[in-house]
Protein backbone atom coordinates (compact mmCIF):
# COMPACT_ATOMS: atom_id res chain seq x y z
CA MET A 1 -0.42 0.15 -0.16
CA GLU A 2 2.91 2.53 0.77
CA ASN A 3 4.68 1.20 -2.09
CA ILE A 4 1.61 2.52 -4.45
CA MET A 5 1.15 5.67 -2.30
CA GLY A 6 4.47 7.23 -2.81
CA LYS A 7 3.71 6.08 -6.74
CA ILE A 8 1.42 8.46 -6.60
CA ARG A 9 2.90 11.06 -4.76
CA SER A 10 5.64 10.85 -7.52
CA LEU A 11 2.83 11.98 -10.01
CA ASP A 12 2.13 14.97 -8.11
CA ALA A 13 2.24 17.78 -10.95
CA TYR A 14 2.13 20.65 -7.63
CA PRO A 15 5.51 19.89 -5.59
CA LYS A 16 4.63 22.52 -2.25
CA ILE A 17 6.91 24.14 -1.44
CA ASN A 18 8.40 25.74 2.69
CA GLU A 19 7.30 28.58 3.43
CA ASP A 20 10.10 29.94 5.25
CA PHE A 21 11.36 29.85 1.00
CA TYR A 22 8.60 32.34 0.61
CA SER A 23 9.64 35.64 0.20
CA ARG A 24 6.03 38.40 -0.39
CA THR A 25 6.27 41.75 -1.88
CA LEU A 26 4.78 44.92 -2.22
CA SER A 27 4.78 44.35 -6.03
CA GLY A 28 3.61 40.98 -5.55
CA GLY A 29 0.13 41.88 -3.50
CA VAL A 30 -0.19 44.81 -5.94
CA ILE A 31 -0.79 42.50 -8.58
CA THR A 32 -2.09 40.15 -7.29
CA LEU A 33 -5.09 42.84 -6.25
CA ALA A 34 -5.04 44.19 -9.91
CA SER A 35 -5.43 40.47 -11.03
CA SER A 36 -8.45 39.75 -8.78
CA ILE A 37 -10.34 42.22 -9.81
CA VAL A 38 -9.67 41.68 -13.22
CA MET A 39 -10.86 37.82 -12.60
CA LEU A 40 -13.93 38.90 -11.22
CA LEU A 41 -14.98 41.46 -13.89
CA LEU A 42 -14.49 39.24 -16.76
CA PHE A 43 -16.05 35.96 -14.11
CA ILE A 44 -19.31 38.87 -14.58
CA SER A 45 -19.66 39.16 -18.02
CA GLU A 46 -19.24 35.74 -18.90
CA LEU A 47 -21.99 34.63 -16.16
CA ARG A 48 -23.63 37.44 -17.55
CA LEU A 49 -23.17 35.42 -20.99
CA TYR A 50 -24.33 32.61 -19.47
CA LEU A 51 -27.80 33.48 -18.08
CA HIS A 52 -29.09 35.80 -20.82
CA ALA A 53 -30.26 34.03 -23.82
CA ALA A 54 -27.72 34.21 -26.94
CA THR A 55 -29.41 34.29 -30.81
CA GLU A 56 -28.28 32.10 -33.22
CA THR A 57 -28.36 33.99 -37.00
CA GLN A 58 -29.00 31.14 -40.33
CA LEU A 59 -29.41 31.12 -43.60
CA VAL A 60 -31.35 29.06 -45.44
CA VAL A 61 -33.59 28.84 -49.21
CA ASP A 62 -36.73 29.42 -48.36
CA THR A 63 -39.04 26.04 -49.73
CA SER A 64 -42.35 27.43 -48.58
CA ARG A 65 -45.45 27.10 -50.48
CA GLY A 66 -48.82 27.81 -50.38
CA GLU A 67 -49.02 30.63 -48.07
CA THR A 68 -50.31 33.89 -47.61
CA LEU A 69 -48.27 37.77 -46.72
CA ARG A 70 -49.85 39.42 -43.81
CA ILE A 71 -48.94 43.25 -44.64
CA ASN A 72 -49.71 45.58 -41.95
CA PHE A 73 -49.62 49.44 -43.17
CA ASP A 74 -50.28 53.39 -40.97
CA VAL A 75 -50.56 55.74 -43.30
CA THR A 76 -51.03 59.74 -43.49
CA PHE A 77 -51.82 61.42 -45.78
CA PRO A 78 -52.54 65.12 -44.60
CA ASP A 79 -54.19 66.66 -48.01
CA LEU A 80 -55.69 63.99 -48.94
CA PRO A 81 -59.86 63.65 -48.23
CA CYS A 82 -60.87 59.92 -47.01
CA SER A 83 -63.83 60.44 -49.36
CA ILE A 84 -61.30 59.85 -52.77
CA VAL A 85 -58.32 57.59 -51.49
CA SER A 86 -58.84 54.22 -52.59
CA LEU A 87 -56.15 51.20 -51.66
CA ASP A 88 -55.80 48.70 -54.26
CA ALA A 89 -53.57 45.69 -54.23
CA MET A 90 -51.43 42.70 -57.31
CA ASP A 91 -49.59 40.94 -57.70
CA ILE A 92 -48.08 39.06 -60.58
CA SER A 93 -50.25 35.52 -60.46
CA GLY A 94 -53.35 38.17 -62.17
CA GLU A 95 -55.04 38.42 -58.63
CA GLN A 96 -56.36 42.20 -57.88
CA HIS A 97 -58.32 43.60 -54.69
CA LEU A 98 -59.14 46.80 -55.72
CA ASP A 99 -60.25 49.86 -53.92
CA VAL A 100 -60.02 47.55 -50.49
CA ARG A 101 -62.17 48.12 -47.14
CA HIS A 102 -62.43 45.18 -45.89
CA ASP A 103 -59.34 45.01 -42.59
CA ILE A 104 -59.17 48.88 -43.22
CA THR A 105 -60.38 52.32 -40.95
CA LYS A 106 -59.87 55.36 -42.47
CA LYS A 107 -59.80 58.48 -40.21
CA ARG A 108 -60.44 61.73 -41.02
CA ILE A 109 -57.79 64.35 -40.57
CA ASP A 110 -57.90 68.55 -39.84
CA ALA A 111 -55.17 70.24 -40.90
CA HIS A 112 -53.51 69.98 -37.42
CA GLY A 113 -53.52 66.16 -37.49
CA ASN A 114 -56.82 66.07 -34.65
CA VAL A 115 -59.28 62.90 -35.23
CA ILE A 116 -62.42 64.47 -37.27
CA GLU A 117 -64.58 61.45 -37.85
CA ALA A 118 -63.03 57.40 -38.43
CA ARG A 119 -65.30 55.23 -40.56
CA GLN A 120 -64.94 52.16 -42.68
CA GLU A 121 -66.24 52.87 -46.67
CA GLY A 122 -64.12 53.73 -50.03
CA ILE A 123 -64.98 56.37 -52.08
CA GLY A 124 -68.07 59.03 -51.94
CA ALA A 125 -70.97 59.46 -49.22
CA PRO A 126 -72.32 56.15 -47.88
CA LYS A 127 -75.16 53.94 -49.53
CA ILE A 128 -79.19 54.35 -48.84
CA GLU A 129 -80.20 51.70 -48.58
CA LYS A 130 -84.28 52.04 -49.46
CA PRO A 131 -83.80 54.91 -52.00
CA LEU A 132 -87.73 56.36 -52.83
CA GLN A 133 -87.13 56.66 -56.80
CA ARG A 134 -86.76 54.75 -59.73
CA HIS A 135 -86.03 56.56 -62.71
CA GLY A 136 -86.98 60.03 -61.70
CA GLY A 137 -90.50 58.24 -60.86
CA ARG A 138 -92.39 57.45 -57.75
CA LEU A 139 -92.50 53.10 -56.54
CA GLU A 140 -96.00 51.59 -57.13
CA HIS A 141 -97.51 49.23 -54.90
CA ASN A 142 -95.30 45.90 -54.40
CA GLU A 143 -92.55 47.28 -56.97
CA THR A 144 -88.74 46.80 -56.30
CA TYR A 145 -86.82 49.64 -57.19
CA CYS A 146 -84.10 49.42 -60.29
CA GLY A 147 -81.59 52.41 -60.47
CA SER A 148 -80.96 52.75 -64.01
CA CYS A 149 -76.81 51.80 -64.46
CA PHE A 150 -76.74 54.46 -67.72
CA GLY A 151 -76.01 52.42 -70.55
CA ALA A 152 -72.99 49.87 -67.50
CA GLU A 153 -76.03 47.75 -67.73
CA GLY A 154 -73.91 44.01 -68.09
CA SER A 155 -77.20 42.37 -68.82
CA ASP A 156 -81.31 43.48 -69.00
CA ASP A 157 -81.90 42.81 -64.77
CA ASP A 158 -78.69 44.76 -63.35
CA CYS A 159 -79.93 47.15 -61.34
CA CYS A 160 -77.50 50.37 -59.73
CA ASN A 161 -79.24 51.40 -56.54
CA SER A 162 -75.91 53.70 -55.84
CA CYS A 163 -73.69 55.93 -56.57
CA GLU A 164 -71.45 53.10 -55.68
CA ASP A 165 -73.06 50.49 -57.94
CA VAL A 166 -73.41 53.11 -60.57
CA ARG A 167 -69.21 53.44 -59.94
CA GLU A 168 -68.64 49.96 -60.15
CA ALA A 169 -70.95 48.78 -63.16
CA TYR A 170 -68.27 52.17 -65.03
CA ARG A 171 -65.49 50.71 -63.68
CA LYS A 172 -65.95 46.80 -64.88
CA LYS A 173 -67.24 48.40 -68.73
CA GLY A 174 -64.15 49.99 -68.42
CA TRP A 175 -65.50 53.86 -68.49
CA ALA A 176 -64.82 57.07 -66.60
CA LEU A 177 -67.84 58.87 -64.57
CA SER A 178 -66.92 62.11 -65.83
CA ASN A 179 -69.21 63.76 -63.83
CA PRO A 180 -71.54 62.73 -61.29
CA ASP A 181 -74.21 65.18 -60.98
CA LEU A 182 -75.47 63.66 -64.23
CA ILE A 183 -76.15 60.19 -62.54
CA ASP A 184 -79.42 60.32 -59.87
CA GLN A 185 -78.08 58.36 -57.26
CA CYS A 186 -74.69 60.08 -56.93
CA LYS A 187 -76.61 63.64 -57.05
CA ARG A 188 -79.59 62.15 -54.62
CA GLU A 189 -75.98 60.96 -52.42
CA GLY A 190 -74.58 63.55 -52.55
CA PHE A 191 -71.10 62.30 -53.63
CA LEU A 192 -69.45 66.20 -55.03
CA GLN A 193 -71.00 67.71 -52.30
CA ARG A 194 -69.54 65.38 -49.68
CA ILE A 195 -65.68 65.81 -51.14
CA LYS A 196 -65.81 69.00 -51.52
CA ASP A 197 -67.43 69.10 -47.68
CA GLU A 198 -64.32 67.33 -47.20
CA ASP A 199 -61.44 69.93 -48.80
CA GLY A 200 -58.48 70.85 -47.25
CA GLU A 201 -59.08 67.49 -44.86
CA GLY A 202 -56.36 64.40 -45.01
CA CYS A 203 -56.64 60.96 -44.77
CA ASN A 204 -55.06 57.88 -41.80
CA ILE A 205 -55.60 54.74 -43.05
CA TYR A 206 -54.82 52.06 -41.08
CA GLY A 207 -55.28 47.78 -41.10
CA PHE A 208 -53.54 44.82 -43.10
CA LEU A 209 -53.94 43.06 -46.24
CA GLU A 210 -53.62 39.01 -46.66
CA VAL A 211 -51.81 38.53 -50.40
CA ASN A 212 -50.40 35.59 -51.98
CA LYS A 213 -47.20 34.87 -50.90
CA VAL A 214 -45.21 36.76 -54.53
CA ALA A 215 -44.51 39.44 -56.36
CA GLY A 216 -47.11 42.23 -56.24
CA ASN A 217 -47.75 45.70 -55.42
CA PHE A 218 -50.63 47.66 -53.64
CA HIS A 219 -50.79 51.29 -53.93
CA PHE A 220 -52.60 54.70 -52.26
CA ALA A 221 -53.98 56.60 -55.17
CA PRO A 222 -57.22 59.32 -55.52
CA GLY A 223 -60.11 57.37 -57.44
CA LYS A 224 -61.95 54.44 -58.32
CA SER A 225 -59.90 51.90 -60.21
CA PHE A 226 -60.75 49.92 -63.75
CA HIS A 227 -58.17 48.63 -66.88
CA GLN A 228 -58.58 49.52 -69.95
CA SER A 229 -56.78 48.50 -72.61
CA GLY A 230 -55.08 46.29 -70.47
CA VAL A 231 -53.81 49.43 -68.26
CA HIS A 232 -54.70 50.21 -64.17
CA VAL A 233 -56.06 52.98 -64.38
CA HIS A 234 -57.54 55.34 -61.23
CA ASP A 235 -61.08 57.46 -62.49
CA LEU A 236 -59.90 60.76 -61.52
CA LEU A 237 -62.60 62.94 -63.68
CA ALA A 238 -65.51 62.03 -60.74
CA PHE A 239 -63.47 64.81 -58.53
CA GLN A 240 -62.97 67.28 -60.59
CA LYS A 241 -59.23 68.33 -59.47
CA ASP A 242 -56.77 69.43 -61.92
CA SER A 243 -53.85 67.83 -58.65
CA PHE A 244 -53.78 65.84 -55.72
CA ASN A 245 -51.15 65.92 -53.55
CA VAL A 246 -49.97 63.00 -52.04
CA SER A 247 -47.67 63.64 -49.25
CA HIS A 248 -47.30 61.23 -47.17
CA LYS A 249 -46.30 59.99 -43.71
CA ILE A 250 -45.68 56.46 -43.15
CA ASN A 251 -46.06 55.31 -39.18
CA ARG A 252 -45.71 52.12 -40.00
CA LEU A 253 -45.07 49.26 -42.24
CA ALA A 254 -44.61 45.78 -41.43
CA PHE A 255 -44.81 42.73 -43.62
CA GLY A 256 -45.57 39.86 -41.15
CA GLU A 257 -45.70 40.29 -36.87
CA TYR A 258 -43.30 41.58 -34.82
CA PHE A 259 -40.25 39.99 -33.43
CA PRO A 260 -37.52 41.02 -31.23
CA GLY A 261 -34.76 42.96 -33.12
CA VAL A 262 -37.08 43.66 -36.07
CA VAL A 263 -36.98 47.11 -36.84
CA ASN A 264 -39.03 47.89 -39.84
CA PRO A 265 -36.62 50.94 -42.27
CA LEU A 266 -40.10 52.85 -43.16
CA ASP A 267 -41.29 53.49 -40.17
CA GLY A 268 -42.22 56.93 -39.50
CA VAL A 269 -40.66 58.45 -43.11
CA GLN A 270 -42.88 61.18 -44.09
CA TRP A 271 -42.38 63.02 -47.59
CA THR A 272 -43.77 66.50 -48.77
CA GLN A 273 -44.66 66.85 -52.91
CA GLU A 274 -43.52 69.86 -53.81
CA ILE A 275 -44.45 69.82 -57.87
CA PRO A 276 -48.56 69.81 -58.92
CA SER A 277 -48.78 65.85 -59.38
CA GLY A 278 -46.78 62.82 -59.98
CA MET A 279 -46.31 59.23 -58.04
CA TYR A 280 -44.03 58.05 -55.49
CA GLN A 281 -42.48 54.43 -55.90
CA TYR A 282 -41.70 52.15 -52.96
CA PHE A 283 -39.32 48.72 -54.46
CA ILE A 284 -39.08 46.55 -51.47
CA LYS A 285 -36.49 43.80 -51.19
CA VAL A 286 -39.19 40.83 -48.59
CA VAL A 287 -37.01 38.58 -47.00
CA PRO A 288 -38.86 36.07 -45.29
CA THR A 289 -37.32 35.59 -41.46
CA VAL A 290 -37.79 33.13 -38.59
CA TYR A 291 -37.37 34.31 -35.19
CA THR A 292 -37.24 31.31 -32.37
CA ASP A 293 -37.39 32.70 -29.19
CA ILE A 294 -36.13 30.73 -25.68
CA SER A 295 -39.45 28.72 -24.92
CA GLY A 296 -39.06 27.58 -28.49
CA HIS A 297 -42.81 29.47 -29.85
CA THR A 298 -42.22 30.67 -33.40
CA ILE A 299 -43.30 33.56 -34.92
CA GLN A 300 -43.23 33.43 -39.33
CA SER A 301 -42.51 36.54 -40.31
CA ASN A 302 -40.10 39.27 -42.89
CA GLN A 303 -37.55 41.76 -42.87
CA PHE A 304 -37.57 44.06 -45.90
CA SER A 305 -35.01 45.94 -47.79
CA VAL A 306 -36.69 49.96 -49.38
CA THR A 307 -35.22 51.93 -52.40
CA GLU A 308 -37.20 54.96 -53.46
CA HIS A 309 -38.03 56.62 -56.42
CA PHE A 310 -40.65 59.95 -57.28
CA ARG A 311 -42.32 60.34 -60.82
CA SER A 312 -43.55 63.29 -61.47
CA ALA A 313 -46.71 62.88 -64.31
CA GLU A 314 -46.43 64.13 -67.13
CA ALA A 315 -48.88 64.78 -70.09
CA GLY A 316 -49.87 60.96 -72.08
CA GLN A 317 -48.56 58.77 -69.27
CA LEU A 318 -51.13 57.43 -68.38
CA GLN A 319 -48.69 55.34 -65.50
CA SER A 320 -47.84 58.66 -63.37
CA LEU A 321 -51.30 58.07 -61.90
CA PRO A 322 -51.21 60.06 -58.27
CA GLY A 323 -50.43 57.96 -55.43
CA VAL A 324 -47.81 56.33 -53.25
CA PHE A 325 -46.94 53.21 -54.84
CA PHE A 326 -45.44 49.81 -52.76
CA PHE A 327 -43.84 47.36 -55.37
CA TYR A 328 -42.33 44.32 -53.21
CA ASP A 329 -40.19 41.69 -53.77
CA LEU A 330 -39.57 38.44 -51.70
CA SER A 331 -35.95 37.00 -51.58
CA PRO A 332 -35.17 33.54 -52.09
CA ILE A 333 -33.02 32.95 -48.88
CA LYS A 334 -34.99 32.78 -45.65
CA VAL A 335 -33.40 33.90 -42.26
CA THR A 336 -33.92 32.45 -39.34
CA PHE A 337 -32.81 33.96 -35.35
CA SER A 338 -32.40 30.93 -33.11
CA GLU A 339 -32.58 32.08 -29.16
CA GLY A 340 -30.37 29.80 -27.08
CA HIS A 341 -28.31 29.10 -24.05
CA VAL A 342 -25.46 28.37 -23.96
CA SER A 343 -24.65 25.00 -22.25
CA PHE A 344 -22.66 25.22 -19.00
CA LEU A 345 -19.78 23.26 -19.96
CA HIS A 346 -19.15 25.79 -22.67
CA PHE A 347 -19.26 28.50 -19.44
CA LEU A 348 -17.28 26.46 -16.69
CA THR A 349 -14.89 25.98 -19.41
CA ASN A 350 -14.37 29.32 -20.38
CA VAL A 351 -14.62 30.70 -16.17
CA CYS A 352 -10.90 28.52 -15.97
CA ALA A 353 -9.40 29.90 -19.66
CA ILE A 354 -10.65 32.80 -17.01
CA VAL A 355 -9.18 32.47 -14.05
CA GLY A 356 -5.76 30.70 -15.96
CA GLY A 357 -5.28 33.13 -18.38
CA VAL A 358 -4.85 36.25 -15.29
CA PHE A 359 -3.16 33.98 -12.86
CA THR A 360 -0.11 33.21 -15.84
CA VAL A 361 0.04 36.43 -16.66
CA SER A 362 0.18 38.01 -13.38
CA GLY A 363 2.25 36.03 -12.76
CA ILE A 364 5.17 36.26 -15.48
CA PHE A 365 4.37 40.02 -14.61
CA ASP A 366 5.42 39.28 -11.20
CA SER A 367 8.22 37.24 -12.07
CA PHE A 368 9.69 39.85 -14.40
CA ILE A 369 9.22 43.09 -11.71
CA TYR A 370 11.02 40.84 -8.99
CA HIS A 371 13.57 39.81 -11.20
CA GLY A 372 14.34 43.31 -12.62
CA GLN A 373 14.37 45.04 -9.19
CA ARG A 374 17.19 42.32 -7.58
CA ALA A 375 19.15 42.68 -10.73
CA ILE A 376 19.04 46.69 -10.62
CA LYS A 377 19.39 46.53 -6.41
CA LYS A 378 22.95 44.44 -7.20
CA LYS A 379 24.66 46.37 -9.75
CA MET A 380 23.96 49.28 -7.07
CA GLU A 381 25.61 47.74 -4.51
CA ILE A 382 28.90 47.04 -6.52
CA GLY A 383 28.48 50.62 -8.22
CA LYS A 384 28.05 49.99 -11.53
CA PHE A 385 24.42 51.31 -12.40
CA SER A 386 24.12 54.55 -13.86
């Protein structure tokens, strides 16, 4: 047994020195105190990193199919009344959403930004559900009202009982409604009068769109949209105005849900129009993003980058209709963020590295000072130090 214990004792890598041979110095005490403080600070820093979640980023090819894209927006137009602003969305697959009304709210605001009224309607005045006239005459007993579409009927049975119905019929035909006062329904509902009443007001539009996950665009523009000779145009004649000020402020624009660390570059962006009319365009590259938090909850969202361009309206250019356009395209690369804790073994390894590293460096520094002092002292004793 003694033999075994002796062999084990011979493996001791840390031989002990008798305390009588220790030489303690002032410089050694200062270095020990400083190195202890440094070790403590580094240990606290490493402990904070261990206790807090670390985020790992990866880039992968986006293989998702058949998904939809949610666009959240909040845009203010200080010089466009709510009565004339419409929202359209379309994509390269051919799907179109014209004069979108669902899931959006319009707030009328005055020149000082104060809210006058909030509503969920389209363009013009509200519908009258039970009109009393039929082609200028009174309704007969048990007769159902059927308003004229003024030549835009698809069939003899079609009825246009409101100004909106007439405008929709004209849109399907690809016609522009030049003077709403000539339409009985529009005159009765006060279409132009409401637009005149809101002159000088602004509009705050907020809500969301649910679109196909393909490249497309959505835009805010005055007038009701329709297609004419394969071109997307807006009926601006009905408003009897020469120019439209599309100055705007984007309070919020996001493609998908919020997740920690997301930066939406258009939030708070404001642009003021200085010429009579034109088209303001934002070209957006949407990057699919997946965020997984420490508890395993996954958020499917998107980030985006953007460039912008203003095109002034020129005569004969139908494409330069006044409005604010957002053209978006999707990146084939998906970014994934995953939260996770550093393993305990990794933390332990780093702590050992901190203690060992600081102890070794401070030992070298102390040895350098100690031997330097001894060498200087010896030279001074023999009178060779000058």
